[in-house]
C-alpha atoms as a PDB file:
ATOM      1  CA  MET A   1       9.842  -6.923 -39.897  1.00  0.00           C
ATOM      2  CA  ASP A   2       6.458  -7.557 -41.541  1.00  0.00           C
ATOM      3  CA  PHE A   3       7.903 -10.651 -43.200  1.00  0.00           C
ATOM      4  CA  ALA A   4       8.918 -12.018 -39.773  1.00  0.00           C
ATOM      5  CA  LEU A   5       5.453 -11.581 -38.265  1.00  0.00           C
ATOM      6  CA  GLN A   6       3.851 -13.114 -41.339  1.00  0.00           C
ATOM      7  CA  ARG A   7       6.215 -16.128 -41.219  1.00  0.00           C
ATOM      8  CA  LEU A   8       5.654 -16.611 -37.489  1.00  0.00           C
ATOM      9  CA  MET A   9       1.877 -16.449 -37.849  1.00  0.00           C
ATOM     10  CA  GLU A  10       2.021 -18.996 -40.678  1.00  0.00           C
ATOM     11  CA  HIS A  11       3.719 -21.434 -38.279  1.00  0.00           C
ATOM     12  CA  ARG A  12       1.709 -20.573 -35.166  1.00  0.00           C
ATOM     13  CA  SER A  13      -0.052 -23.940 -34.914  1.00  0.00           C
ATOM     14  CA  GLU A  14       3.301 -25.736 -35.336  1.00  0.00           C
ATOM     15  CA  PHE A  15       4.826 -23.660 -32.554  1.00  0.00           C
ATOM     16  CA  HIS A  16       1.861 -24.441 -30.315  1.00  0.00           C
ATOM     17  CA  ALA A  17       2.160 -28.164 -31.084  1.00  0.00           C
ATOM     18  CA  TYR A  18       5.902 -28.037 -30.306  1.00  0.00           C
ATOM     19  CA  LEU A  19       5.201 -26.535 -26.884  1.00  0.00           C
ATOM     20  CA  ARG A  20       2.557 -29.194 -26.181  1.00  0.00           C
ATOM     21  CA  ARG A  21       5.015 -31.968 -27.166  1.00  0.00           C
ATOM     22  CA  GLN A  22       7.502 -30.498 -24.724  1.00  0.00           C
ATOM     23  CA  GLY A  23       5.015 -31.031 -21.884  1.00  0.00           C
ATOM     24  CA  ALA A  24       3.263 -27.679 -21.642  1.00  0.00           C
ATOM     25  CA  THR A  25      -0.447 -27.737 -20.884  1.00  0.00           C
ATOM     26  CA  GLU A  26      -2.815 -26.093 -23.349  1.00  0.00           C
ATOM     27  CA  ALA A  27      -2.917 -22.907 -21.272  1.00  0.00           C
ATOM     28  CA  GLN A  28       0.848 -22.903 -20.654  1.00  0.00           C
ATOM     29  CA  ALA A  29       1.530 -23.420 -24.354  1.00  0.00           C
ATOM     30  CA  GLU A  30      -0.689 -20.493 -25.262  1.00  0.00           C
ATOM     31  CA  ASP A  31       0.877 -18.246 -22.609  1.00  0.00           C
ATOM     32  CA  LEU A  32       4.416 -19.204 -23.620  1.00  0.00           C
ATOM     33  CA  LEU A  33       3.651 -18.675 -27.302  1.00  0.00           C
ATOM     34  CA  GLN A  34       2.093 -15.261 -26.687  1.00  0.00           C
ATOM     35  CA  SER A  35       4.948 -14.039 -24.493  1.00  0.00           C
ATOM     36  CA  ALA A  36       7.549 -15.414 -26.925  1.00  0.00           C
ATOM     37  CA  LEU A  37       5.816 -13.647 -29.821  1.00  0.00           C
ATOM     38  CA  VAL A  38       5.864 -10.379 -27.906  1.00  0.00           C
ATOM     39  CA  ARG A  39       9.538 -10.816 -27.017  1.00  0.00           C
ATOM     40  CA  GLY A  40      10.376 -12.032 -30.495  1.00  0.00           C
ATOM     41  CA  LEU A  41       8.821  -9.053 -32.196  1.00  0.00           C
ATOM     42  CA  GLU A  42      10.655  -6.455 -30.153  1.00  0.00           C
ATOM     43  CA  PRO A  43      12.904  -4.326 -32.343  1.00  0.00           C
ATOM     44  CA  TRP A  44      15.926  -6.291 -33.505  1.00  0.00           C
ATOM     45  CA  THR A  45      19.361  -4.844 -33.946  1.00  0.00           C
ATOM     46  CA  SER A  46      19.903  -7.276 -36.794  1.00  0.00           C
ATOM     47  CA  PRO A  47      16.798  -9.278 -37.706  1.00  0.00           C
ATOM     48  CA  PRO A  48      17.344 -12.845 -38.889  1.00  0.00           C
ATOM     49  CA  ALA A  49      17.167 -13.509 -42.586  1.00  0.00           C
ATOM     50  CA  GLU A  50      13.706 -14.394 -43.845  1.00  0.00           C
ATOM     51  CA  ASP A  51      14.586 -18.083 -44.186  1.00  0.00           C
ATOM     52  CA  ARG A  52      15.980 -18.147 -40.591  1.00  0.00           C
ATOM     53  CA  VAL A  53      12.985 -16.607 -38.768  1.00  0.00           C
ATOM     54  CA  VAL A  54      11.240 -19.907 -37.995  1.00  0.00           C
ATOM     55  CA  PRO A  55      14.342 -21.772 -36.685  1.00  0.00           C
ATOM     56  CA  TRP A  56      15.256 -18.673 -34.685  1.00  0.00           C
ATOM     57  CA  PHE A  57      11.773 -18.587 -33.127  1.00  0.00           C
ATOM     58  CA  TYR A  58      12.026 -22.254 -32.135  1.00  0.00           C
ATOM     59  CA  ARG A  59      15.101 -21.255 -30.114  1.00  0.00           C
ATOM     60  CA  VAL A  60      13.084 -18.435 -28.529  1.00  0.00           C
ATOM     61  CA  LEU A  61      10.390 -20.975 -27.599  1.00  0.00           C
ATOM     62  CA  ARG A  62      12.975 -23.417 -26.266  1.00  0.00           C
ATOM     63  CA  ASN A  63      14.449 -20.685 -24.069  1.00  0.00           C
ATOM     64  CA  ALA A  64      10.960 -19.759 -22.860  1.00  0.00           C
ATOM     65  CA  LEU A  65      10.385 -23.399 -21.858  1.00  0.00           C
ATOM     66  CA  ILE A  66      13.705 -23.508 -20.024  1.00  0.00           C
ATOM     67  CA  ASP A  67      12.918 -20.250 -18.201  1.00  0.00           C
ATOM     68  CA  GLN A  68       9.505 -21.566 -17.178  1.00  0.00           C
ATOM     69  CA  ALA A  69      11.024 -24.834 -15.922  1.00  0.00           C
ATOM     70  CA  ARG A  70      13.564 -22.887 -13.872  1.00  0.00           C
ATOM     71  CA  ARG A  71      10.869 -20.685 -12.370  1.00  0.00           C
ATOM     72  CA  SER A  72       8.652 -23.631 -11.489  1.00  0.00           C
ATOM     73  CA  SER A  73      11.641 -25.537 -10.090  1.00  0.00           C
ATOM     74  CA  VAL A  74      12.556 -22.636  -7.814  1.00  0.00           C
ATOM     75  CA  ALA A  75       8.937 -22.238  -6.762  1.00  0.00           C
ATOM     76  CA  GLY A  76       8.661 -25.985  -6.166  1.00  0.00           C
ATOM     77  CA  ARG A  77      11.748 -26.030  -3.968  1.00  0.00           C
ATOM     78  CA  ALA A  78      10.441 -23.061  -2.005  1.00  0.00           C
ATOM     79  CA  LEU A  79       7.107 -24.822  -1.488  1.00  0.00           C
ATOM     80  CA  GLU A  80       8.902 -27.999  -0.379  1.00  0.00           C
ATOM     81  CA  ARG A  81      10.943 -26.019   2.159  1.00  0.00           C
ATOM     82  CA  TYR A  82       7.831 -24.270   3.379  1.00  0.00           C
ATOM     83  CA  ALA A  83       5.908 -27.547   3.662  1.00  0.00           C
ATOM     84  CA  SER A  84       8.737 -29.179   5.619  1.00  0.00           C
ATOM     85  CA  GLU A  85       8.862 -26.399   8.225  1.00  0.00           C
ATOM     86  CA  PRO A  86       6.806 -27.100  11.316  1.00  0.00           C
ATOM     87  CA  ALA A  87       3.701 -24.998  11.655  1.00  0.00           C
ATOM     88  CA  PHE A  88       3.924 -22.222  14.212  1.00  0.00           C
ATOM     89  CA  GLU A  89       1.732 -22.993  17.158  1.00  0.00           C
ATOM     90  CA  PRO A  90       1.832 -20.283  19.812  1.00  0.00           C
ATOM     91  CA  ALA A  91       1.100 -22.694  22.667  1.00  0.00           C
ATOM     92  CA  THR A  92       3.891 -25.074  21.600  1.00  0.00           C
ATOM     93  CA  GLU A  93       6.292 -22.212  20.957  1.00  0.00           C
ATOM     94  CA  ALA A  94       5.597 -20.695  24.374  1.00  0.00           C
ATOM     95  CA  ARG A  95       6.439 -24.000  26.081  1.00  0.00           C
ATOM     96  CA  ARG A  96       9.779 -24.205  24.263  1.00  0.00           C
ATOM     97  CA  VAL A  97      10.956 -20.765  25.387  1.00  0.00           C
ATOM     98  CA  CYS A  98      13.057 -20.551  28.529  1.00  0.00           C
ATOM     99  CA  THR A  99      10.769 -20.163  31.531  1.00  0.00           C
ATOM    100  CA  CYS A 100      12.508 -17.011  32.742  1.00  0.00           C
ATOM    101  CA  THR A 101      12.015 -15.172  29.438  1.00  0.00           C
ATOM    102  CA  ARG A 102       8.673 -13.780  30.508  1.00  0.00           C
ATOM    103  CA  ARG A 103      10.098 -12.628  33.849  1.00  0.00           C
ATOM    104  CA  VAL A 104      13.022 -10.941  32.104  1.00  0.00           C
ATOM    105  CA  LEU A 105      10.674  -9.383  29.570  1.00  0.00           C
ATOM    106  CA  ALA A 106       8.596  -7.916  32.380  1.00  0.00           C
ATOM    107  CA  SER A 107      11.740  -6.375  33.892  1.00  0.00           C
ATOM    108  CA  LEU A 108      12.444  -4.278  30.771  1.00  0.00           C
ATOM    109  CA  LYS A 109      11.188  -0.753  30.177  1.00  0.00           C
ATOM    110  CA  PRO A 110       7.398  -0.876  29.765  1.00  0.00           C
ATOM    111  CA  GLU A 111       7.579   0.465  26.194  1.00  0.00           C
ATOM    112  CA  TYR A 112      10.068  -2.300  25.278  1.00  0.00           C
ATOM    113  CA  THR A 113       7.912  -4.957  26.902  1.00  0.00           C
ATOM    114  CA  GLN A 114       4.832  -3.672  25.081  1.00  0.00           C
ATOM    115  CA  LEU A 115       6.458  -3.791  21.627  1.00  0.00           C
ATOM    116  CA  ILE A 116       8.016  -7.226  22.097  1.00  0.00           C
ATOM    117  CA  GLN A 117       4.707  -8.563  23.401  1.00  0.00           C
ATOM    118  CA  LEU A 118       2.758  -7.130  20.470  1.00  0.00           C
ATOM    119  CA  VAL A 119       5.162  -7.984  17.655  1.00  0.00           C
ATOM    120  CA  ASP A 120       7.062 -11.083  18.754  1.00  0.00           C
ATOM    121  CA  VAL A 121       4.545 -12.797  21.012  1.00  0.00           C
ATOM    122  CA  ASP A 122       1.152 -11.754  19.634  1.00  0.00           C
ATOM    123  CA  GLY A 123       2.282 -11.553  15.989  1.00  0.00           C
ATOM    124  CA  VAL A 124       0.943  -8.051  15.357  1.00  0.00           C
ATOM    125  CA  GLU A 125       2.425  -6.223  12.362  1.00  0.00           C
ATOM    126  CA  ILE A 126       4.902  -3.577  13.468  1.00  0.00           C
ATOM    127  CA  GLU A 127       2.897  -0.749  11.877  1.00  0.00           C
ATOM    128  CA  GLU A 128      -0.161  -1.765  13.910  1.00  0.00           C
ATOM    129  CA  ALA A 129       1.972  -2.102  17.044  1.00  0.00           C
ATOM    130  CA  ALA A 130       3.286   1.429  16.418  1.00  0.00           C
ATOM    131  CA  ARG A 131      -0.264   2.778  16.253  1.00  0.00           C
ATOM    132  CA  THR A 132      -1.123   0.939  19.482  1.00  0.00           C
ATOM    133  CA  ALA A 133       1.960   2.398  21.176  1.00  0.00           C
ATOM    134  CA  GLY A 134       1.182   5.878  19.840  1.00  0.00           C
ATOM    135  CA  ILE A 135       4.428   6.213  17.867  1.00  0.00           C
ATOM    136  CA  ASN A 136       5.328   6.254  14.189  1.00  0.00           C
ATOM    137  CA  ALA A 137       6.506   3.114  12.375  1.00  0.00           C
ATOM    138  CA  ASN A 138      10.147   4.220  12.118  1.00  0.00           C
ATOM    139  CA  ASN A 139      10.275   4.869  15.844  1.00  0.00           C
ATOM    140  CA  ALA A 140       8.700   1.444  16.429  1.00  0.00           C
ATOM    141  CA  TYR A 141      11.366  -0.293  14.332  1.00  0.00           C
ATOM    142  CA  VAL A 142      14.145   1.410  16.298  1.00  0.00           C
ATOM    143  CA  ARG A 143      12.461   0.798  19.634  1.00  0.00           C
ATOM    144  CA  LEU A 144      11.837  -2.871  18.787  1.00  0.00           C
ATOM    145  CA  HIS A 145      15.478  -3.303  17.804  1.00  0.00           C
ATOM    146  CA  ARG A 146      16.595  -1.785  21.099  1.00  0.00           C
ATOM    147  CA  ALA A 147      14.048  -3.824  23.038  1.00  0.00           C
ATOM    148  CA  ARG A 148      15.223  -7.086  21.499  1.00  0.00           C
ATOM    149  CA  LYS A 149      18.833  -6.161  22.215  1.00  0.00           C
ATOM    150  CA  ALA A 150      18.014  -5.344  25.837  1.00  0.00           C
ATOM    151  CA  LEU A 151      16.063  -8.593  26.193  1.00  0.00           C
ATOM    152  CA  ARG A 152      18.930 -10.601  24.700  1.00  0.00           C
ATOM    153  CA  GLU A 153      21.507  -8.958  26.969  1.00  0.00           C
ATOM    154  CA  ARG A 154      19.345  -9.436  30.055  1.00  0.00           C
ATOM    155  CA  LEU A 155      18.657 -13.092  29.158  1.00  0.00           C
ATOM    156  CA  GLU A 156      22.356 -13.748  28.653  1.00  0.00           C
ATOM    157  CA  ALA A 157      23.039 -12.241  32.077  1.00  0.00           C
ATOM    158  CA  VAL A 158      20.254 -14.249  33.735  1.00  0.00           C
ATOM    159  CA  CYS A 159      20.466 -17.514  31.831  1.00  0.00           C
ATOM    160  CA  GLY A 160      24.119 -17.607  30.882  1.00  0.00           C
ATOM    161  CA  SER A 161      24.976 -20.217  28.291  1.00  0.00           C
ATOM    162  CA  CYS A 162      21.433 -21.489  27.778  1.00  0.00           C
ATOM    163  CA  ALA A 163      20.402 -18.092  26.385  1.00  0.00           C
ATOM    164  CA  THR A 164      23.032 -18.211  23.655  1.00  0.00           C
ATOM    165  CA  GLY A 165      21.464 -21.396  22.262  1.00  0.00           C
ATOM    166  CA  GLY A 166      18.420 -19.519  21.036  1.00  0.00           C
ATOM    167  CA  GLY A 167      16.769 -19.182  24.436  1.00  0.00           C
ATOM    168  CA  ARG A 168      15.150 -22.595  24.159  1.00  0.00           C
ATOM    169  CA  CYS A 169      16.629 -24.508  27.048  1.00  0.00           C
ATOM    170  CA  ALA A 170      14.619 -27.313  28.581  1.00  0.00           C
ATOM    171  CA  ASP A 171      16.417 -27.495  31.930  1.00  0.00           C
ATOM    172  CA  CYS A 172      16.908 -23.904  32.966  1.00  0.00           C
ATOM    173  CA  TYR A 173      19.022 -23.275  36.037  1.00  0.00           C
ATOM    174  CA  CYS A 174      18.911 -19.521  35.685  1.00  0.00           C
ATOM    175  CA  GLN A 175      19.603 -16.977  38.357  1.00  0.00           C
ATOM    176  CA  PRO A 176      16.617 -15.092  39.695  1.00  0.00           C
ATOM    177  CA  VAL A 177      15.967 -11.979  37.600  1.00  0.00           C
ATOM    178  CA  GLU A 178      16.138  -9.771  40.678  1.00  0.00           C
ATOM    179  CA  GLU A 179      19.812 -10.671  41.229  1.00  0.00           C
ATOM    180  CA  VAL A 180      20.792  -9.481  37.751  1.00  0.00           C
ATOM    181  CA  VAL A 181      18.586  -6.401  37.429  1.00  0.00           C
END
């Protein structure tokens, strides 16, 4: 094992240059080289022969480059998706929701209305909403689930088919809430 470390350290500048030629920045090359050295020096089940250590390590570096490219590609795609999503604007979002949603929400149990208002409308974290409601977080999760289900069922009864399209109808011809409740 000592021979492997010695051979790798003898070729360190060559490894670094290889990573730079492959497009890594100075910092990326150093990080990749360090992590590859750590991985490469983990106990081997069958260490390469002394004359094969350097070619073997080039493969380790190549794999490290490929892994980094995959990670950055995934991160890049995620950032692209995130950038292409419209920003949430509460005022715009409120205008897009069916006009009877607020009336239906007000017709639910007060504890359901409170949780939906805090979490879904105001954007409060559920743990904070639980503290506000005077209940524990687990109870809040269950209550919020039940509240959303009750709201959905009531909206479907009031709004009919427009509620099944995500509750975002522009021309709502819903029945008055009082008739359904």
